[in-house]
Amino acid sequence: MESLLCIALVVGPIAILVWQFVETRAAVATTRVETAYGPAQAAQIVHDAFTGPRAVLWTTANGPGMINMRRRGIRGGITMSIDIEPRPGGGCNVDMWASHTVVYLGALANFAGVVNRRKKAIARHLTMEVDAPQSA
């Protein structure tokens, strides 16, 4: 029993550090979504992903993207940047990444998992079928 407790006290913190490292790397990596929506519609979908109840947790920020949202948090929080580029054949590419992170212990970023969940939610909305015009 005591050896199990010792293993848990050693392995537990290491597992948390590894998990946070993986979350941080995924947040900082650029996620590209190809969508059939035009740039204006894609920008609206991105803006809508930060409205409603989430508006309390996210604020507009400065950054390298067309759209930059900062998660409120300790020492400034993490900033998510989004670029939208039209494609020649229609639709657009949406690139999302964490452009500013708050680093703890050399590897941990503040709210990295939140950025990953926002990326997934935005990607899901951007890849939904574009509504076809209603025929009368």
Protein backbone atom coordinates (compact mmCIF):
# COMPACT_ATOMS: atom_id res chain seq x y z
CA MET A 1 0.00 0.00 0.00
CA GLU A 2 2.79 2.41 0.87
CA SER A 3 4.63 1.64 -2.35
CA LEU A 4 1.45 2.39 -4.32
CA LEU A 5 1.18 5.76 -2.58
CA CYS A 6 4.85 6.53 -3.34
CA ILE A 7 4.37 5.62 -7.00
CA ALA A 8 1.24 7.81 -7.19
CA LEU A 9 3.12 10.75 -5.64
CA VAL A 10 5.92 10.41 -8.21
CA VAL A 11 3.98 9.38 -11.32
CA GLY A 12 1.00 11.73 -10.77
CA PRO A 13 2.89 15.05 -11.06
CA ILE A 14 4.95 13.72 -13.99
CA ALA A 15 1.76 12.69 -15.81
CA ILE A 16 0.26 16.15 -15.23
CA LEU A 17 3.40 17.84 -16.58
CA VAL A 18 3.41 15.62 -19.69
CA TRP A 19 -0.31 16.25 -20.27
CA GLN A 20 0.17 20.02 -19.96
CA PHE A 21 3.16 19.91 -22.32
CA VAL A 22 1.10 18.07 -24.95
CA GLU A 23 -1.84 20.50 -24.52
CA THR A 24 0.51 23.48 -24.89
CA ARG A 25 2.15 22.13 -28.06
CA ALA A 26 -1.28 21.47 -29.61
CA ALA A 27 -2.46 25.00 -28.74
CA VAL A 28 0.63 26.67 -30.22
CA ALA A 29 0.53 24.57 -33.40
CA THR A 30 -1.38 26.09 -36.32
CA THR A 31 -4.68 24.40 -37.11
CA ARG A 32 -5.85 24.95 -40.69
CA VAL A 33 -9.47 24.48 -41.68
CA GLU A 34 -10.59 24.58 -45.31
CA THR A 35 -14.19 25.75 -45.51
CA ALA A 36 -16.72 26.38 -48.25
CA TYR A 37 -17.80 29.59 -46.48
CA GLY A 38 -16.57 32.90 -47.83
CA PRO A 39 -14.17 35.03 -45.76
CA ALA A 40 -16.94 37.28 -44.37
CA GLN A 41 -19.09 34.31 -43.32
CA ALA A 42 -16.07 32.52 -41.81
CA ALA A 43 -15.14 35.67 -39.85
CA GLN A 44 -18.69 35.85 -38.50
CA ILE A 45 -18.58 32.19 -37.45
CA VAL A 46 -15.26 32.81 -35.66
CA HIS A 47 -16.64 35.89 -33.89
CA ASP A 48 -19.76 33.96 -32.87
CA ALA A 49 -17.52 31.33 -31.22
CA PHE A 50 -16.51 33.96 -28.65
CA THR A 51 -19.94 35.45 -27.92
CA GLY A 52 -22.68 34.58 -25.48
CA PRO A 53 -21.56 33.18 -22.13
CA ARG A 54 -17.97 32.91 -23.43
CA ALA A 55 -17.77 36.70 -23.85
CA VAL A 56 -17.07 36.98 -20.13
CA LEU A 57 -13.99 34.76 -20.46
CA TRP A 58 -12.58 36.14 -23.75
CA THR A 59 -11.63 39.67 -24.77
CA THR A 60 -10.27 41.25 -27.95
CA ALA A 61 -6.48 41.54 -27.96
CA ASN A 62 -3.59 42.70 -30.10
CA GLY A 63 -1.80 40.01 -32.05
CA PRO A 64 -0.54 38.83 -35.41
CA GLY A 65 -3.86 37.45 -36.69
CA MET A 66 -6.86 39.11 -38.34
CA ILE A 67 -8.85 38.14 -35.24
CA ASN A 68 -7.11 37.95 -31.86
CA MET A 69 -8.89 36.87 -28.70
CA ARG A 70 -7.28 36.69 -25.26
CA ARG A 71 -8.52 34.38 -22.54
CA ARG A 72 -8.75 36.33 -19.32
CA GLY A 73 -6.41 34.84 -16.77
CA ILE A 74 -3.43 35.20 -14.52
CA ARG A 75 -0.68 37.39 -15.98
CA GLY A 76 -2.66 38.14 -19.13
CA GLY A 77 -3.86 34.72 -20.21
CA ILE A 78 -3.34 33.04 -23.56
CA THR A 79 -4.08 34.75 -26.90
CA MET A 80 -5.68 32.88 -29.77
CA SER A 81 -5.03 34.32 -33.25
CA ILE A 82 -7.03 33.54 -36.37
CA ASP A 83 -6.23 34.34 -40.01
CA ILE A 84 -8.74 33.98 -42.83
CA GLU A 85 -7.52 33.73 -46.43
CA PRO A 86 -9.78 33.35 -49.48
CA ARG A 87 -9.12 30.38 -51.78
CA PRO A 88 -9.02 30.90 -55.56
CA GLY A 89 -11.79 28.36 -56.23
CA GLY A 90 -14.12 29.74 -53.56
CA GLY A 91 -14.29 29.29 -49.85
CA CYS A 92 -11.40 30.12 -47.58
CA ASN A 93 -8.70 28.77 -45.30
CA VAL A 94 -8.89 29.57 -41.59
CA ASP A 95 -5.65 29.27 -39.59
CA MET A 96 -5.85 29.23 -35.77
CA TRP A 97 -3.02 29.19 -33.22
CA ALA A 98 -2.04 30.43 -29.77
CA SER A 99 0.13 33.45 -30.54
CA HIS A 100 0.90 34.44 -26.95
CA THR A 101 1.15 32.07 -24.03
CA VAL A 102 1.95 32.45 -20.37
CA VAL A 103 4.66 29.95 -19.49
CA TYR A 104 5.00 28.26 -16.12
CA LEU A 105 7.90 25.98 -15.25
CA GLY A 106 9.24 26.33 -18.79
CA ALA A 107 6.53 24.19 -20.40
CA LEU A 108 3.06 24.93 -19.11
CA ALA A 109 0.81 27.47 -20.84
CA ASN A 110 -2.10 29.13 -19.15
CA PHE A 111 -5.43 27.81 -20.52
CA ALA A 112 -3.88 25.85 -23.42
CA GLY A 113 -6.69 23.29 -23.25
CA VAL A 114 -9.27 26.07 -23.65
CA VAL A 115 -7.64 27.16 -26.91
CA ASN A 116 -7.67 23.57 -28.16
CA ARG A 117 -11.39 23.27 -27.39
CA ARG A 118 -12.14 26.60 -29.13
CA LYS A 119 -10.14 25.43 -32.17
CA LYS A 120 -12.19 22.23 -32.35
CA ALA A 121 -15.50 24.07 -31.93
CA ILE A 122 -14.66 26.64 -34.61
CA ALA A 123 -13.44 23.90 -36.98
CA ARG A 124 -16.68 21.98 -36.42
CA HIS A 125 -18.80 25.04 -37.26
CA LEU A 126 -16.69 25.91 -40.31
CA THR A 127 -16.97 22.43 -41.77
CA MET A 128 -20.74 22.17 -41.41
CA GLU A 129 -22.61 22.07 -44.70
CA VAL A 130 -23.11 25.47 -46.24
CA ASP A 131 -26.83 26.16 -46.49
CA ALA A 132 -28.06 25.84 -50.04
CA PRO A 133 -30.34 28.60 -51.34
CA GLN A 134 -34.02 27.82 -50.89
CA SER A 135 -35.83 27.26 -54.17
CA ALA A 136 -39.37 28.56 -54.41
